[in-house]
Amino acid sequence: MSEKAYALFQTQSDAQRLHRVLREREISHDVSPTPRDLSRSCGMALRFSITEVTAVSRIAESIKVPIEIAKRG
């Protein structure tokens, strides 16, 4: 199984904004419920390849969406 990362958000509107921009920039990701062990967020997460962490973080910063990245195997 390939290693995945999750972008966690304080609000669902932040998750939706980042999802929209990632889709526009054709960065592969999935919208998913936040895994239980990471449930300190709003309940909505974006899951993507670990290789995209830097790109996702930079895009989130550029649109002023605060995120927390969690990595999982």
PDB file of N, CA and C in Angstrom:
ATOM      1  N   MET A   1       0.846  -1.190   0.000  1.00  0.00           N
ATOM      2  CA  MET A   1       0.000   0.000   0.000  1.00  0.00           C
ATOM      3  C   MET A   1       0.884   1.244   0.000  1.00  0.00           C
ATOM      4  N   SER A   2       0.565   2.210  -0.843  1.00  0.00           N
ATOM      5  CA  SER A   2       1.376   3.416  -0.892  1.00  0.00           C
ATOM      6  C   SER A   2       1.040   4.329   0.282  1.00  0.00           C
ATOM      7  N   GLU A   3       2.029   5.060   0.688  1.00  0.00           N
ATOM      8  CA  GLU A   3       1.853   5.955   1.817  1.00  0.00           C
ATOM      9  C   GLU A   3       0.990   7.141   1.397  1.00  0.00           C
ATOM     10  N   LYS A   4       0.060   7.502   2.253  1.00  0.00           N
ATOM     11  CA  LYS A   4      -0.858   8.614   1.990  1.00  0.00           C
ATOM     12  C   LYS A   4      -0.680   9.699   3.043  1.00  0.00           C
ATOM     13  N   ALA A   5      -1.142  10.882   2.697  1.00  0.00           N
ATOM     14  CA  ALA A   5      -1.159  11.995   3.634  1.00  0.00           C
ATOM     15  C   ALA A   5      -2.578  12.557   3.649  1.00  0.00           C
ATOM     16  N   TYR A   6      -2.925  13.166   4.757  1.00  0.00           N
ATOM     17  CA  TYR A   6      -4.226  13.811   4.910  1.00  0.00           C
ATOM     18  C   TYR A   6      -4.013  15.280   5.219  1.00  0.00           C
ATOM     19  N   ALA A   7      -4.789  16.131   4.567  1.00  0.00           N
ATOM     20  CA  ALA A   7      -4.864  17.535   4.941  1.00  0.00           C
ATOM     21  C   ALA A   7      -6.073  17.662   5.858  1.00  0.00           C
ATOM     22  N   LEU A   8      -5.842  18.178   7.054  1.00  0.00           N
ATOM     23  CA  LEU A   8      -6.898  18.343   8.054  1.00  0.00           C
ATOM     24  C   LEU A   8      -7.218  19.826   8.196  1.00  0.00           C
ATOM     25  N   PHE A   9      -8.461  20.129   8.457  1.00  0.00           N
ATOM     26  CA  PHE A   9      -8.945  21.505   8.444  1.00  0.00           C
ATOM     27  C   PHE A   9      -9.700  21.866   9.715  1.00  0.00           C
ATOM     28  N   GLN A  10      -9.747  23.160   9.994  1.00  0.00           N
ATOM     29  CA  GLN A  10     -10.537  23.657  11.108  1.00  0.00           C
ATOM     30  C   GLN A  10     -12.004  23.788  10.709  1.00  0.00           C
ATOM     31  N   THR A  11     -12.249  24.083   9.416  1.00  0.00           N
ATOM     32  CA  THR A  11     -13.626  24.257   8.947  1.00  0.00           C
ATOM     33  C   THR A  11     -13.842  23.521   7.627  1.00  0.00           C
ATOM     34  N   GLN A  12     -15.075  23.127   7.366  1.00  0.00           N
ATOM     35  CA  GLN A  12     -15.389  22.468   6.103  1.00  0.00           C
ATOM     36  C   GLN A  12     -15.255  23.416   4.918  1.00  0.00           C
ATOM     37  N   SER A  13     -15.509  24.698   5.134  1.00  0.00           N
ATOM     38  CA  SER A  13     -15.367  25.648   4.019  1.00  0.00           C
ATOM     39  C   SER A  13     -13.906  25.749   3.574  1.00  0.00           C
ATOM     40  N   ASP A  14     -12.959  25.657   4.518  1.00  0.00           N
ATOM     41  CA  ASP A  14     -11.544  25.636   4.141  1.00  0.00           C
ATOM     42  C   ASP A  14     -11.226  24.384   3.328  1.00  0.00           C
ATOM     43  N   ALA A  15     -11.777  23.257   3.734  1.00  0.00           N
ATOM     44  CA  ALA A  15     -11.555  22.004   3.003  1.00  0.00           C
ATOM     45  C   ALA A  15     -12.103  22.118   1.582  1.00  0.00           C
ATOM     46  N   GLN A  16     -13.265  22.693   1.437  1.00  0.00           N
ATOM     47  CA  GLN A  16     -13.877  22.830   0.122  1.00  0.00           C
ATOM     48  C   GLN A  16     -13.083  23.776  -0.772  1.00  0.00           C
ATOM     49  N   ARG A  17     -12.560  24.854  -0.190  1.00  0.00           N
ATOM     50  CA  ARG A  17     -11.741  25.791  -0.983  1.00  0.00           C
ATOM     51  C   ARG A  17     -10.490  25.110  -1.502  1.00  0.00           C
ATOM     52  N   LEU A  18      -9.779  24.380  -0.628  1.00  0.00           N
ATOM     53  CA  LEU A  18      -8.556  23.716  -1.072  1.00  0.00           C
ATOM     54  C   LEU A  18      -8.888  22.622  -2.086  1.00  0.00           C
ATOM     55  N   HIS A  19      -9.942  21.871  -1.857  1.00  0.00           N
ATOM     56  CA  HIS A  19     -10.364  20.833  -2.801  1.00  0.00           C
ATOM     57  C   HIS A  19     -10.571  21.431  -4.189  1.00  0.00           C
ATOM     58  N   ARG A  20     -11.255  22.549  -4.266  1.00  0.00           N
ATOM     59  CA  ARG A  20     -11.538  23.205  -5.541  1.00  0.00           C
ATOM     60  C   ARG A  20     -10.243  23.600  -6.260  1.00  0.00           C
ATOM     61  N   VAL A  21      -9.300  24.178  -5.527  1.00  0.00           N
ATOM     62  CA  VAL A  21      -8.044  24.617  -6.143  1.00  0.00           C
ATOM     63  C   VAL A  21      -7.195  23.417  -6.568  1.00  0.00           C
ATOM     64  N   LEU A  22      -7.135  22.383  -5.745  1.00  0.00           N
ATOM     65  CA  LEU A  22      -6.375  21.188  -6.128  1.00  0.00           C
ATOM     66  C   LEU A  22      -6.962  20.553  -7.385  1.00  0.00           C
ATOM     67  N   ARG A  23      -8.256  20.527  -7.485  1.00  0.00           N
ATOM     68  CA  ARG A  23      -8.907  19.982  -8.676  1.00  0.00           C
ATOM     69  C   ARG A  23      -8.563  20.824  -9.908  1.00  0.00           C
ATOM     70  N   GLU A  24      -8.604  22.156  -9.763  1.00  0.00           N
ATOM     71  CA  GLU A  24      -8.253  23.047 -10.872  1.00  0.00           C
ATOM     72  C   GLU A  24      -6.811  22.834 -11.330  1.00  0.00           C
ATOM     73  N   ARG A  25      -5.932  22.546 -10.380  1.00  0.00           N
ATOM     74  CA  ARG A  25      -4.511  22.355 -10.702  1.00  0.00           C
ATOM     75  C   ARG A  25      -4.169  20.890 -10.999  1.00  0.00           C
ATOM     76  N   GLU A  26      -5.199  20.061 -11.052  1.00  0.00           N
ATOM     77  CA  GLU A  26      -5.079  18.648 -11.409  1.00  0.00           C
ATOM     78  C   GLU A  26      -4.121  17.866 -10.503  1.00  0.00           C
ATOM     79  N   ILE A  27      -4.202  18.164  -9.202  1.00  0.00           N
ATOM     80  CA  ILE A  27      -3.452  17.395  -8.206  1.00  0.00           C
ATOM     81  C   ILE A  27      -4.386  16.309  -7.680  1.00  0.00           C
ATOM     82  N   SER A  28      -3.996  15.072  -7.885  1.00  0.00           N
ATOM     83  CA  SER A  28      -4.827  13.936  -7.525  1.00  0.00           C
ATOM     84  C   SER A  28      -5.048  13.880  -6.007  1.00  0.00           C
ATOM     85  N   HIS A  29      -6.318  13.773  -5.607  1.00  0.00           N
ATOM     86  CA  HIS A  29      -6.674  13.700  -4.188  1.00  0.00           C
ATOM     87  C   HIS A  29      -8.102  13.192  -4.065  1.00  0.00           C
ATOM     88  N   ASP A  30      -8.467  12.803  -2.867  1.00  0.00           N
ATOM     89  CA  ASP A  30      -9.825  12.360  -2.560  1.00  0.00           C
ATOM     90  C   ASP A  30     -10.341  13.139  -1.362  1.00  0.00           C
ATOM     91  N   VAL A  31     -11.622  13.447  -1.377  1.00  0.00           N
ATOM     92  CA  VAL A  31     -12.282  13.995  -0.193  1.00  0.00           C
ATOM     93  C   VAL A  31     -12.688  12.787   0.643  1.00  0.00           C
ATOM     94  N   SER A  32     -12.378  12.836   1.932  1.00  0.00           N
ATOM     95  CA  SER A  32     -12.721  11.700   2.790  1.00  0.00           C
ATOM     96  C   SER A  32     -13.079  12.185   4.186  1.00  0.00           C
ATOM     97  N   PRO A  33     -13.786  11.352   4.912  1.00  0.00           N
ATOM     98  CA  PRO A  33     -14.002  11.677   6.322  1.00  0.00           C
ATOM     99  C   PRO A  33     -12.651  11.625   7.034  1.00  0.00           C
ATOM    100  N   THR A  34     -12.512  12.418   8.048  1.00  0.00           N
ATOM    101  CA  THR A  34     -11.274  12.388   8.822  1.00  0.00           C
ATOM    102  C   THR A  34     -11.188  11.061   9.571  1.00  0.00           C
ATOM    103  N   PRO A  35     -10.063  10.358   9.446  1.00  0.00           N
ATOM    104  CA  PRO A  35      -9.906   9.106  10.210  1.00  0.00           C
ATOM    105  C   PRO A  35     -10.094   9.361  11.708  1.00  0.00           C
ATOM    106  N   ARG A  36     -10.666   8.395  12.400  1.00  0.00           N
ATOM    107  CA  ARG A  36     -10.981   8.565  13.830  1.00  0.00           C
ATOM    108  C   ARG A  36      -9.776   8.990  14.663  1.00  0.00           C
ATOM    109  N   ASP A  37      -8.616   8.412  14.377  1.00  0.00           N
ATOM    110  CA  ASP A  37      -7.446   8.755  15.186  1.00  0.00           C
ATOM    111  C   ASP A  37      -6.933  10.162  14.896  1.00  0.00           C
ATOM    112  N   LEU A  38      -7.495  10.832  13.899  1.00  0.00           N
ATOM    113  CA  LEU A  38      -7.115  12.208  13.573  1.00  0.00           C
ATOM    114  C   LEU A  38      -8.304  13.149  13.758  1.00  0.00           C
ATOM    115  N   SER A  39      -9.261  12.781  14.550  1.00  0.00           N
ATOM    116  CA  SER A  39     -10.560  13.450  14.614  1.00  0.00           C
ATOM    117  C   SER A  39     -10.573  14.827  15.260  1.00  0.00           C
ATOM    118  N   ARG A  40      -9.429  15.403  15.494  1.00  0.00           N
ATOM    119  CA  ARG A  40      -9.413  16.739  16.099  1.00  0.00           C
ATOM    120  C   ARG A  40      -9.772  17.846  15.092  1.00  0.00           C
ATOM    121  N   SER A  41     -10.023  17.469  13.839  1.00  0.00           N
ATOM    122  CA  SER A  41     -10.359  18.455  12.823  1.00  0.00           C
ATOM    123  C   SER A  41     -11.876  18.538  12.629  1.00  0.00           C
ATOM    124  N   CYS A  42     -12.303  19.194  11.539  1.00  0.00           N
ATOM    125  CA  CYS A  42     -13.724  19.448  11.300  1.00  0.00           C
ATOM    126  C   CYS A  42     -14.500  18.218  10.833  1.00  0.00           C
ATOM    127  N   GLY A  43     -13.826  17.129  10.545  1.00  0.00           N
ATOM    128  CA  GLY A  43     -14.506  15.917  10.094  1.00  0.00           C
ATOM    129  C   GLY A  43     -14.345  15.650   8.609  1.00  0.00           C
ATOM    130  N   MET A  44     -13.856  16.617   7.883  1.00  0.00           N
ATOM    131  CA  MET A  44     -13.627  16.470   6.444  1.00  0.00           C
ATOM    132  C   MET A  44     -12.130  16.575   6.200  1.00  0.00           C
ATOM    133  N   ALA A  45     -11.597  15.688   5.371  1.00  0.00           N
ATOM    134  CA  ALA A  45     -10.165  15.691   5.077  1.00  0.00           C
ATOM    135  C   ALA A  45      -9.946  15.476   3.587  1.00  0.00           C
ATOM    136  N   LEU A  46      -8.767  15.848   3.125  1.00  0.00           N
ATOM    137  CA  LEU A  46      -8.355  15.534   1.769  1.00  0.00           C
ATOM    138  C   LEU A  46      -7.213  14.532   1.868  1.00  0.00           C
ATOM    139  N   ARG A  47      -7.316  13.441   1.114  1.00  0.00           N
ATOM    140  CA  ARG A  47      -6.298  12.395   1.137  1.00  0.00           C
ATOM    141  C   ARG A  47      -5.560  12.421  -0.201  1.00  0.00           C
ATOM    142  N   PHE A  48      -4.225  12.342  -0.126  1.00  0.00           N
ATOM    143  CA  PHE A  48      -3.420  12.418  -1.336  1.00  0.00           C
ATOM    144  C   PHE A  48      -2.112  11.669  -1.128  1.00  0.00           C
ATOM    145  N   SER A  49      -1.381  11.477  -2.212  1.00  0.00           N
ATOM    146  CA  SER A  49      -0.103  10.779  -2.140  1.00  0.00           C
ATOM    147  C   SER A  49       0.897  11.569  -1.303  1.00  0.00           C
ATOM    148  N   ILE A  50       1.712  10.842  -0.578  1.00  0.00           N
ATOM    149  CA  ILE A  50       2.742  11.470   0.254  1.00  0.00           C
ATOM    150  C   ILE A  50       3.686  12.336  -0.591  1.00  0.00           C
ATOM    151  N   THR A  51       3.800  12.007  -1.874  1.00  0.00           N
ATOM    152  CA  THR A  51       4.693  12.770  -2.750  1.00  0.00           C
ATOM    153  C   THR A  51       4.163  14.168  -3.056  1.00  0.00           C
ATOM    154  N   GLU A  52       2.905  14.423  -2.738  1.00  0.00           N
ATOM    155  CA  GLU A  52       2.285  15.724  -3.020  1.00  0.00           C
ATOM    156  C   GLU A  52       2.235  16.652  -1.799  1.00  0.00           C
ATOM    157  N   VAL A  53       2.838  16.248  -0.694  1.00  0.00           N
ATOM    158  CA  VAL A  53       2.747  17.047   0.541  1.00  0.00           C
ATOM    159  C   VAL A  53       3.233  18.474   0.330  1.00  0.00           C
ATOM    160  N   THR A  54       4.377  18.639  -0.291  1.00  0.00           N
ATOM    161  CA  THR A  54       4.929  19.986  -0.485  1.00  0.00           C
ATOM    162  C   THR A  54       4.018  20.831  -1.356  1.00  0.00           C
ATOM    163  N   ALA A  55       3.542  20.266  -2.454  1.00  0.00           N
ATOM    164  CA  ALA A  55       2.670  21.014  -3.360  1.00  0.00           C
ATOM    165  C   ALA A  55       1.372  21.421  -2.674  1.00  0.00           C
ATOM    166  N   VAL A  56       0.752  20.486  -1.966  1.00  0.00           N
ATOM    167  CA  VAL A  56      -0.510  20.781  -1.275  1.00  0.00           C
ATOM    168  C   VAL A  56      -0.290  21.850  -0.194  1.00  0.00           C
ATOM    169  N   SER A  57       0.781  21.737   0.554  1.00  0.00           N
ATOM    170  CA  SER A  57       1.076  22.714   1.606  1.00  0.00           C
ATOM    171  C   SER A  57       1.279  24.109   1.020  1.00  0.00           C
ATOM    172  N   ARG A  58       2.006  24.192  -0.068  1.00  0.00           N
ATOM    173  CA  ARG A  58       2.258  25.497  -0.703  1.00  0.00           C
ATOM    174  C   ARG A  58       0.975  26.108  -1.254  1.00  0.00           C
ATOM    175  N   ILE A  59       0.156  25.285  -1.870  1.00  0.00           N
ATOM    176  CA  ILE A  59      -1.107  25.800  -2.408  1.00  0.00           C
ATOM    177  C   ILE A  59      -2.005  26.280  -1.277  1.00  0.00           C
ATOM    178  N   ALA A  60      -2.115  25.499  -0.219  1.00  0.00           N
ATOM    179  CA  ALA A  60      -2.934  25.909   0.935  1.00  0.00           C
ATOM    180  C   ALA A  60      -2.445  27.237   1.496  1.00  0.00           C
ATOM    181  N   GLU A  61      -1.141  27.379   1.618  1.00  0.00           N
ATOM    182  CA  GLU A  61      -0.574  28.634   2.124  1.00  0.00           C
ATOM    183  C   GLU A  61      -0.889  29.793   1.184  1.00  0.00           C
ATOM    184  N   SER A  62      -0.794  29.559  -0.114  1.00  0.00           N
ATOM    185  CA  SER A  62      -1.026  30.637  -1.081  1.00  0.00           C
ATOM    186  C   SER A  62      -2.469  31.136  -1.070  1.00  0.00           C
ATOM    187  N   ILE A  63      -3.419  30.254  -0.726  1.00  0.00           N
ATOM    188  CA  ILE A  63      -4.822  30.689  -0.663  1.00  0.00           C
ATOM    189  C   ILE A  63      -5.281  30.944   0.770  1.00  0.00           C
ATOM    190  N   LYS A  64      -4.318  30.939   1.675  1.00  0.00           N
ATOM    191  CA  LYS A  64      -4.564  31.258   3.088  1.00  0.00           C
ATOM    192  C   LYS A  64      -5.573  30.319   3.752  1.00  0.00           C
ATOM    193  N   VAL A  65      -5.393  29.029   3.484  1.00  0.00           N
ATOM    194  CA  VAL A  65      -6.197  27.994   4.138  1.00  0.00           C
ATOM    195  C   VAL A  65      -5.280  27.258   5.106  1.00  0.00           C
ATOM    196  N   PRO A  66      -5.512  27.411   6.407  1.00  0.00           N
ATOM    197  CA  PRO A  66      -4.667  26.696   7.377  1.00  0.00           C
ATOM    198  C   PRO A  66      -4.954  25.209   7.359  1.00  0.00           C
ATOM    199  N   ILE A  67      -3.899  24.403   7.259  1.00  0.00           N
ATOM    200  CA  ILE A  67      -4.055  22.952   7.270  1.00  0.00           C
ATOM    201  C   ILE A  67      -3.047  22.326   8.216  1.00  0.00           C
ATOM    202  N   GLU A  68      -3.356  21.119   8.602  1.00  0.00           N
ATOM    203  CA  GLU A  68      -2.420  20.272   9.323  1.00  0.00           C
ATOM    204  C   GLU A  68      -2.257  19.036   8.450  1.00  0.00           C
ATOM    205  N   ILE A  69      -1.023  18.589   8.266  1.00  0.00           N
ATOM    206  CA  ILE A  69      -0.754  17.411   7.464  1.00  0.00           C
ATOM    207  C   ILE A  69      -0.513  16.222   8.397  1.00  0.00           C
ATOM    208  N   ALA A  70      -1.180  15.124   8.122  1.00  0.00           N
ATOM    209  CA  ALA A  70      -0.960  13.876   8.859  1.00  0.00           C
ATOM    210  C   ALA A  70      -0.581  12.811   7.849  1.00  0.00           C
ATOM    211  N   LYS A  71       0.482  12.067   8.136  1.00  0.00           N
ATOM    212  CA  LYS A  71       0.949  11.029   7.212  1.00  0.00           C
ATOM    213  C   LYS A  71       0.570   9.663   7.760  1.00  0.00           C
ATOM    214  N   ARG A  72       0.189   8.759   6.830  1.00  0.00           N
ATOM    215  CA  ARG A  72      -0.200   7.403   7.216  1.00  0.00           C
ATOM    216  C   ARG A  72       0.357   6.416   6.202  1.00  0.00           C
ATOM    217  N   GLY A  73       0.706   5.231   6.703  1.00  0.00           N
ATOM    218  CA  GLY A  73       1.243   4.185   5.835  1.00  0.00           C
ATOM    219  C   GLY A  73       0.172   3.357   5.209  1.00  0.00           C
TER     220      GLY A  73
END
